[in-house]
Amino acid sequence: MSYSKGDPVPWFSADTHTTSQFQFNAAAGRYVVLSFLGSTSRGSSLRVVRDVEKHRTEFHDERVCFFGVITDPKDFDDRQVREFLPGVRYFKDFNQHVSEGYGAVSKGISGSQAIAQYRPFTLVLDQRLRTLASFPIEDSGEGHLAKILEVVRPMPELGEHAAAQVQAPVLIVPDIFEPEFCEQLVEIYNSGESEDSGFMRDHGGKTVGVYDYATERRRDCVIEDEAVRRKCMFRIHDRLAPEIRRAYQFNATRMERYIVACYEGEHGGHFRAHRDNTTKATAHRRFAVSLNLNDSYDGGCVWFPEFGRQLFKPPAGGAVVFSCSLLHEATPVTRGKRYVFLPFLYDDEAAKVRESKQQFLGGNVNAPPIQA
């Protein structure tokens, strides 16, 4: 088992030296270093423990904390590992349940005997307990903590507590698509066939596509390559769906549309205020995803008029997620090109709604607009 940037990690509970059944999910809200050490009888693990002691002022519960996972009871009995609170704790994983759940233990059979091999490594997690980086602990353990600190130290501050403002009930989730995958999708758009994007309206008893540059100015390219579509689906399933489930208690199991869209600054690309589920054939849509593929443009934010004038602009590879019932607008791009992946998410129950409404899906009510 391996963890890539953006991957969520399992929650668990285990004893520490000072707390019975520490709930790991409660560590969220700061950067977390989670190190699977096994036993300090392994010299590389002991080196990490000693380096953490030397640099324990780097770890505190306000910004970043350290958790070591120890499987050897002797390490606690002989005080080879010591907690420094706040900030440095060790889990007692004597049955290796936590280690096995994270893939630090690989089990097999040698002859007639069961064997288990421990693979020490460290994860650096963000404030949502999603992977920022993963490092194997090499044979000597030398320089391991330095690599971790190179990741942690430059990370943005988490901000001060402040009085709450009115804010749209939206979710910003970074690191859904890797930079190289974003570049691949942009290249698919630039080398493929794109067409003007329309929007849906009920007309004459049917849900039809409408084109109007005053309302929407955007071009879309359908992703036809099945392997690329699967890469999109797996990343949404593994990295975004768990965040939606946690924030909204909604289990997204279906995805509609595999398109790369482009809002061009040359034409002031935009999409005026609208909702995404107000027609018969779109009533099944539950959540909209606006996943930016680049950041080399100006303008091109999303905002929600019913909840004030705050603008939302996720980083490249990150998404803004919101209910399809919310009024929202994509502001004009004023420089460059904004490339974005734009699926809709729904569940099995909504799939039945979609199936029942297919009879209302019609063609385009008018031809694409004449180019300006």
Protein backbone atom coordinates (compact mmCIF):
# COMPACT_ATOMS: atom_id res chain seq x y z
CA MET A 1 0.00 0.00 0.00
CA SER A 2 1.33 3.45 -0.88
CA TYR A 3 0.02 6.95 -0.33
CA SER A 4 0.20 9.75 -2.88
CA LYS A 5 -0.39 13.45 -2.40
CA GLY A 6 -4.10 14.07 -1.75
CA ASP A 7 -4.89 10.55 -0.55
CA PRO A 8 -6.87 10.42 2.74
CA VAL A 9 -5.58 8.07 5.45
CA PRO A 10 -7.54 5.69 7.67
CA TRP A 11 -8.76 6.78 11.09
CA PHE A 12 -8.01 4.62 14.09
CA SER A 13 -7.79 4.67 17.87
CA ALA A 14 -4.89 3.37 19.94
CA ASP A 15 -3.30 3.88 23.34
CA THR A 16 -0.51 6.39 23.84
CA HIS A 17 1.64 6.69 26.95
CA THR A 18 -0.76 9.25 28.45
CA THR A 19 -4.12 8.61 26.75
CA SER A 20 -6.22 5.48 26.48
CA GLN A 21 -7.69 4.98 23.00
CA PHE A 22 -6.48 8.25 21.52
CA GLN A 23 -8.77 9.07 18.58
CA PHE A 24 -6.46 9.87 15.68
CA ASN A 25 -9.18 11.78 13.80
CA ALA A 26 -9.04 14.36 16.62
CA ALA A 27 -5.53 15.32 15.48
CA ALA A 28 -6.99 17.05 12.40
CA GLY A 29 -6.73 20.81 12.19
CA ARG A 30 -2.93 20.98 12.02
CA TYR A 31 -0.14 19.36 10.02
CA VAL A 32 0.55 15.84 11.26
CA VAL A 33 3.70 13.74 10.97
CA LEU A 34 2.82 10.04 11.34
CA SER A 35 5.86 7.78 11.48
CA PHE A 36 5.61 3.98 11.40
CA LEU A 37 8.72 2.99 13.34
CA GLY A 38 7.99 -0.54 14.51
CA SER A 39 10.75 -1.13 17.04
CA THR A 40 13.77 0.98 17.99
CA SER A 41 15.78 -2.25 17.89
CA ARG A 42 15.95 -1.25 14.24
CA GLY A 43 18.71 1.34 14.16
CA SER A 44 17.02 3.50 11.54
CA SER A 45 13.89 3.85 13.69
CA LEU A 46 15.95 4.69 16.75
CA ARG A 47 17.70 7.41 14.74
CA VAL A 48 14.35 8.98 13.86
CA VAL A 49 13.24 8.90 17.51
CA ARG A 50 16.44 10.60 18.66
CA ASP A 51 16.24 13.23 15.90
CA VAL A 52 12.66 14.03 16.91
CA GLU A 53 13.85 14.52 20.50
CA LYS A 54 16.57 16.92 19.33
CA HIS A 55 14.06 18.91 17.27
CA ARG A 56 11.04 18.56 19.53
CA THR A 57 10.45 22.33 19.49
CA GLU A 58 9.42 21.91 15.83
CA PHE A 59 6.38 19.96 17.01
CA HIS A 60 3.52 21.45 18.97
CA ASP A 61 -0.20 21.03 18.75
CA GLU A 62 -0.89 24.50 17.36
CA ARG A 63 0.70 24.00 13.91
CA VAL A 64 2.35 20.59 13.56
CA CYS A 65 2.51 17.47 15.73
CA PHE A 66 4.38 14.17 15.61
CA PHE A 67 3.02 10.67 16.17
CA GLY A 68 5.24 7.60 16.19
CA VAL A 69 3.77 4.11 15.84
CA ILE A 70 5.61 1.57 18.02
CA THR A 71 5.01 -2.19 17.97
CA ASP A 72 7.58 -3.23 20.60
CA PRO A 73 6.47 -3.00 24.29
CA LYS A 74 10.14 -2.87 25.37
CA ASP A 75 10.47 0.58 23.80
CA PHE A 76 8.05 1.92 26.41
CA ASP A 77 9.32 -0.25 29.27
CA ASP A 78 12.94 0.82 28.66
CA ARG A 79 11.92 4.44 27.93
CA GLN A 80 13.47 4.32 24.48
CA VAL A 81 10.55 6.48 23.36
CA ARG A 82 9.26 9.39 25.40
CA GLU A 83 6.41 11.77 24.80
CA PHE A 84 6.97 15.52 24.82
CA LEU A 85 3.65 17.26 25.26
CA PRO A 86 2.27 19.09 23.54
CA GLY A 87 3.36 17.84 20.15
CA VAL A 88 5.18 14.49 20.34
CA ARG A 89 3.28 11.25 21.07
CA TYR A 90 3.74 7.53 20.43
CA PHE A 91 1.02 4.99 19.72
CA LYS A 92 1.23 1.53 21.32
CA ASP A 93 0.56 -0.74 18.36
CA PHE A 94 1.57 -4.00 19.97
CA ASN A 95 -0.90 -6.09 17.94
CA GLN A 96 0.27 -4.28 14.76
CA HIS A 97 -3.33 -3.49 13.87
CA VAL A 98 -2.62 0.15 12.99
CA SER A 99 0.59 -0.67 11.14
CA GLU A 100 -1.11 -3.36 9.11
CA GLY A 101 -4.00 -1.04 8.24
CA TYR A 102 -1.53 1.44 6.76
CA GLY A 103 0.48 -1.17 4.87
CA ALA A 104 3.57 -0.97 7.10
CA VAL A 105 3.30 -4.72 7.72
CA SER A 106 3.36 -7.23 4.90
CA LYS A 107 2.47 -10.80 5.78
CA GLY A 108 3.27 -14.00 3.93
CA ILE A 109 4.12 -17.67 4.24
CA SER A 110 7.62 -19.14 4.24
CA GLY A 111 7.42 -22.88 4.06
CA SER A 112 4.89 -23.75 6.73
CA GLN A 113 5.50 -20.62 8.81
CA ALA A 114 3.71 -17.29 8.72
CA ILE A 115 6.09 -14.36 8.44
CA ALA A 116 5.58 -10.62 8.75
CA GLN A 117 7.91 -7.94 7.44
CA TYR A 118 7.81 -4.38 8.78
CA ARG A 119 8.31 -1.52 6.33
CA PRO A 120 9.00 1.70 8.28
CA PHE A 121 7.93 4.94 6.66
CA THR A 122 6.59 8.39 7.49
CA LEU A 123 3.56 10.28 6.23
CA VAL A 124 3.17 14.06 6.35
CA LEU A 125 -0.54 14.93 6.49
CA ASP A 126 -2.49 18.15 6.00
CA GLN A 127 -5.08 19.53 8.39
CA ARG A 128 -7.74 17.22 6.89
CA LEU A 129 -5.52 14.16 7.43
CA ARG A 130 -4.77 13.85 3.71
CA THR A 131 -1.33 12.93 2.42
CA LEU A 132 1.13 15.70 1.64
CA ALA A 133 4.22 13.49 1.35
CA SER A 134 5.44 9.97 2.07
CA PHE A 135 9.03 8.94 2.87
CA PRO A 136 10.47 5.46 3.45
CA ILE A 137 12.80 5.24 6.43
CA GLU A 138 16.10 4.18 4.89
CA ASP A 139 18.48 1.70 6.51
CA SER A 140 20.42 4.31 8.49
CA GLY A 141 17.55 6.70 9.20
CA GLU A 142 20.01 9.55 8.63
CA GLY A 143 18.46 12.67 7.17
CA HIS A 144 14.93 11.32 7.45
CA LEU A 145 13.65 14.01 9.78
CA ALA A 146 15.36 16.68 7.69
CA LYS A 147 13.26 15.59 4.68
CA ILE A 148 10.12 15.85 6.78
CA LEU A 149 10.97 19.32 8.03
CA GLU A 150 11.68 20.46 4.47
CA VAL A 151 8.02 19.71 3.74
CA VAL A 152 6.53 21.03 6.97
CA ARG A 153 8.40 24.27 7.49
CA PRO A 154 7.30 26.04 4.27
CA MET A 155 3.66 25.02 4.60
CA PRO A 156 1.21 27.95 4.96
CA GLU A 157 0.19 29.04 8.41
CA LEU A 158 -3.24 27.78 9.39
CA GLY A 159 -4.59 31.21 10.30
CA GLU A 160 -5.85 32.81 13.46
CA HIS A 161 -9.27 32.33 15.02
CA ALA A 162 -11.67 35.01 13.82
CA ALA A 163 -15.35 35.85 14.05
CA ALA A 164 -17.37 33.94 11.47
CA GLN A 165 -18.53 35.68 8.32
CA VAL A 166 -21.48 34.73 6.12
CA GLN A 167 -20.11 32.16 3.70
CA ALA A 168 -21.53 29.89 1.05
CA PRO A 169 -21.70 26.22 2.15
CA VAL A 170 -18.97 25.15 -0.27
CA LEU A 171 -15.96 22.89 0.04
CA ILE A 172 -12.45 23.69 -1.21
CA VAL A 173 -10.31 20.57 -1.59
CA PRO A 174 -6.72 20.84 -2.92
CA ASP A 175 -4.61 18.09 -4.50
CA ILE A 176 -7.25 16.04 -6.32
CA PHE A 177 -5.31 15.89 -9.61
CA GLU A 178 -1.50 15.83 -9.71
CA PRO A 179 0.28 18.59 -11.70
CA GLU A 180 1.32 16.19 -14.46
CA PHE A 181 -2.24 14.90 -14.82
CA CYS A 182 -3.54 18.47 -15.02
CA GLU A 183 -1.04 19.09 -17.83
CA GLN A 184 -2.20 15.93 -19.60
CA LEU A 185 -5.84 17.08 -19.51
CA VAL A 186 -4.91 20.55 -20.79
CA GLU A 187 -3.02 18.91 -23.66
CA ILE A 188 -6.09 16.76 -24.46
CA TYR A 189 -8.10 19.98 -24.77
CA ASN A 190 -5.51 21.79 -26.89
CA SER A 191 -4.96 18.87 -29.25
CA GLY A 192 -8.60 17.78 -29.49
CA GLU A 193 -11.90 19.02 -30.83
CA SER A 194 -13.66 21.60 -28.69
CA GLU A 195 -17.06 23.16 -29.15
CA ASP A 196 -19.08 25.99 -27.67
CA SER A 197 -20.70 25.09 -24.37
CA GLY A 198 -24.42 25.49 -23.96
CA PHE A 199 -26.64 25.38 -20.90
CA MET A 200 -29.88 23.52 -20.26
CA ARG A 201 -33.41 24.94 -20.39
CA ASP A 202 -36.88 23.38 -20.44
CA HIS A 203 -38.53 24.26 -23.75
CA GLY A 204 -41.65 22.76 -25.27
CA GLY A 205 -41.77 19.92 -22.74
CA LYS A 206 -38.14 18.95 -23.36
CA THR A 207 -34.82 19.81 -21.72
CA VAL A 208 -32.67 21.28 -24.48
CA GLY A 209 -29.29 22.92 -24.91
CA VAL A 210 -29.26 26.68 -25.34
CA TYR A 211 -26.39 28.86 -26.58
CA ASP A 212 -26.05 32.49 -25.59
CA TYR A 213 -22.73 34.30 -25.25
CA ALA A 214 -24.29 36.88 -22.95
CA THR A 215 -24.98 34.08 -20.45
CA GLU A 216 -22.08 31.72 -21.06
CA ARG A 217 -18.85 31.95 -23.04
CA ARG A 218 -16.87 28.73 -22.80
CA ARG A 219 -15.62 25.88 -24.97
CA ASP A 220 -15.68 22.20 -23.95
CA CYS A 221 -13.72 19.15 -25.05
CA VAL A 222 -15.08 15.69 -24.24
CA ILE A 223 -12.52 13.23 -22.87
CA GLU A 224 -12.91 10.17 -25.10
CA ASP A 225 -9.91 8.10 -23.93
CA GLU A 226 -11.29 5.46 -21.56
CA ALA A 227 -8.02 5.14 -19.64
CA VAL A 228 -7.95 8.89 -18.95
CA ARG A 229 -11.61 8.84 -17.92
CA ARG A 230 -10.81 6.09 -15.43
CA LYS A 231 -7.92 8.12 -14.00
CA CYS A 232 -10.34 11.00 -13.47
CA MET A 233 -12.91 8.71 -11.87
CA PHE A 234 -10.47 7.04 -9.47
CA ARG A 235 -9.07 10.35 -8.26
CA ILE A 236 -12.54 11.75 -7.66
CA HIS A 237 -13.55 8.52 -5.90
CA ASP A 238 -10.42 8.21 -3.75
CA ARG A 239 -9.65 11.85 -2.93
CA LEU A 240 -12.78 13.96 -3.31
CA ALA A 241 -15.73 11.68 -2.50
CA PRO A 242 -14.48 11.03 1.09
CA GLU A 243 -14.34 14.79 1.74
CA ILE A 244 -17.90 15.22 0.44
CA ARG A 245 -19.06 12.32 2.58
CA ARG A 246 -17.50 13.83 5.68
CA ALA A 247 -18.71 17.39 5.07
CA TYR A 248 -22.22 16.68 3.78
CA GLN A 249 -22.94 13.04 4.74
CA PHE A 250 -23.55 12.32 1.08
CA ASN A 251 -22.12 9.26 -0.66
CA ALA A 252 -21.36 10.24 -4.25
CA THR A 253 -21.35 7.06 -6.34
CA ARG A 254 -22.03 8.39 -9.86
CA MET A 255 -20.30 10.97 -12.05
CA GLU A 256 -21.78 12.79 -15.04
CA ARG A 257 -19.60 14.41 -17.73
CA TYR A 258 -15.93 13.95 -18.53
CA ILE A 259 -15.06 17.27 -20.08
CA VAL A 260 -12.20 19.74 -20.04
CA ALA A 261 -13.60 23.25 -20.37
CA CYS A 262 -11.76 26.44 -21.25
CA TYR A 263 -12.71 30.01 -20.37
CA GLU A 264 -10.60 32.31 -22.57
CA GLY A 265 -9.52 35.74 -21.42
CA GLU A 266 -9.51 36.94 -25.03
CA HIS A 267 -13.30 36.56 -25.09
CA GLY A 268 -13.97 37.26 -21.41
CA GLY A 269 -15.00 33.64 -20.81
CA HIS A 270 -17.69 33.45 -18.13
CA PHE A 271 -20.93 31.81 -17.01
CA ARG A 272 -23.50 34.10 -15.45
CA ALA A 273 -25.47 33.21 -12.31
CA HIS A 274 -27.34 29.92 -12.65
CA ARG A 275 -28.26 26.69 -10.88
CA ASP A 276 -27.34 23.25 -12.23
CA ASN A 277 -30.43 21.15 -11.49
CA THR A 278 -33.50 23.21 -12.39
CA THR A 279 -34.61 21.34 -15.53
CA LYS A 280 -36.37 17.99 -15.86
CA ALA A 281 -33.31 16.23 -17.27
CA THR A 282 -30.85 17.73 -14.75
CA ALA A 283 -32.89 17.24 -11.56
CA HIS A 284 -30.72 14.26 -10.57
CA ARG A 285 -27.58 16.35 -10.15
CA ARG A 286 -26.54 16.72 -6.51
CA PHE A 287 -23.06 18.29 -6.39
CA ALA A 288 -21.11 20.32 -8.92
CA VAL A 289 -17.32 20.15 -9.07
CA SER A 290 -15.14 22.89 -10.52
CA LEU A 291 -11.61 21.46 -10.60
CA ASN A 292 -8.99 23.90 -11.86
CA LEU A 293 -6.24 22.49 -14.09
CA ASN A 294 -4.06 25.61 -14.13
CA ASP A 295 -3.60 28.92 -12.36
CA SER A 296 -1.92 31.07 -15.03
CA TYR A 297 -4.88 33.40 -15.56
CA ASP A 298 -6.64 36.35 -13.97
CA GLY A 299 -10.31 36.47 -13.01
CA GLY A 300 -12.20 33.21 -13.43
CA CYS A 301 -13.46 32.83 -9.87
CA VAL A 302 -16.66 31.22 -8.63
CA TRP A 303 -19.03 33.09 -6.33
CA PHE A 304 -22.46 32.54 -4.79
CA PRO A 305 -24.74 35.63 -4.87
CA GLU A 306 -27.10 34.30 -2.18
CA PHE A 307 -24.25 34.26 0.35
CA GLY A 308 -22.35 37.48 -0.24
CA ARG A 309 -19.59 38.48 -2.63
CA GLN A 310 -16.72 36.22 -1.56
CA LEU A 311 -14.78 34.79 -4.52
CA PHE A 312 -13.53 31.19 -4.61
CA LYS A 313 -10.53 30.12 -6.65
CA PRO A 314 -9.07 26.69 -5.83
CA PRO A 315 -5.41 26.03 -6.67
CA ALA A 316 -4.44 24.05 -9.76
CA GLY A 317 -5.37 20.42 -9.13
CA GLY A 318 -7.88 21.47 -6.48
CA ALA A 319 -11.67 21.70 -6.57
CA VAL A 320 -14.51 23.80 -5.28
CA VAL A 321 -17.55 21.58 -4.57
CA PHE A 322 -21.08 22.80 -3.97
CA SER A 323 -24.72 21.78 -4.12
CA CYS A 324 -26.23 22.04 -7.58
CA SER A 325 -29.13 23.93 -5.97
CA LEU A 326 -26.91 26.94 -5.13
CA LEU A 327 -26.98 29.98 -7.39
CA HIS A 328 -23.43 30.46 -8.63
CA GLU A 329 -21.47 32.34 -11.25
CA ALA A 330 -18.10 31.94 -12.99
CA THR A 331 -16.65 35.45 -13.25
CA PRO A 332 -14.99 36.56 -16.52
CA VAL A 333 -11.41 35.53 -17.21
CA THR A 334 -9.54 38.76 -17.90
CA ARG A 335 -6.13 37.32 -18.86
CA GLY A 336 -4.95 33.94 -20.08
CA LYS A 337 -7.02 30.78 -20.23
CA ARG A 338 -8.71 28.95 -17.40
CA TYR A 339 -8.81 25.18 -17.95
CA VAL A 340 -11.17 23.25 -15.69
CA PHE A 341 -12.63 19.76 -15.24
CA LEU A 342 -16.38 20.03 -14.65
CA PRO A 343 -18.24 16.88 -13.54
CA PHE A 344 -21.51 16.54 -11.65
CA LEU A 345 -21.83 14.00 -8.84
CA TYR A 346 -24.90 12.08 -7.69
CA ASP A 347 -25.85 8.80 -6.00
CA ASP A 348 -27.76 5.62 -6.78
CA GLU A 349 -31.12 7.08 -5.78
CA ALA A 350 -30.54 10.10 -8.02
CA ALA A 351 -29.60 7.70 -10.81
CA LYS A 352 -33.20 6.43 -10.73
CA VAL A 353 -34.38 10.05 -11.10
CA ARG A 354 -32.06 10.52 -14.06
CA GLU A 355 -33.35 7.39 -15.74
CA SER A 356 -36.97 8.44 -15.27
CA LYS A 357 -36.28 11.87 -16.82
CA GLN A 358 -34.38 10.74 -19.92
CA GLN A 359 -37.59 10.99 -21.93
CA PHE A 360 -37.45 14.76 -21.50
CA LEU A 361 -33.93 15.18 -22.87
CA GLY A 362 -34.04 16.87 -26.26
CA GLY A 363 -31.56 18.38 -28.69
CA ASN A 364 -30.41 21.96 -29.04
CA VAL A 365 -33.10 24.60 -29.25
CA ASN A 366 -30.90 26.77 -31.48
CA ALA A 367 -27.62 26.53 -33.34
CA PRO A 368 -24.31 27.50 -31.77
CA PRO A 369 -23.77 31.26 -31.79
CA ILE A 370 -21.98 33.05 -34.58
CA GLN A 371 -18.40 33.76 -33.55
CA ALA A 372 -17.84 37.35 -32.45
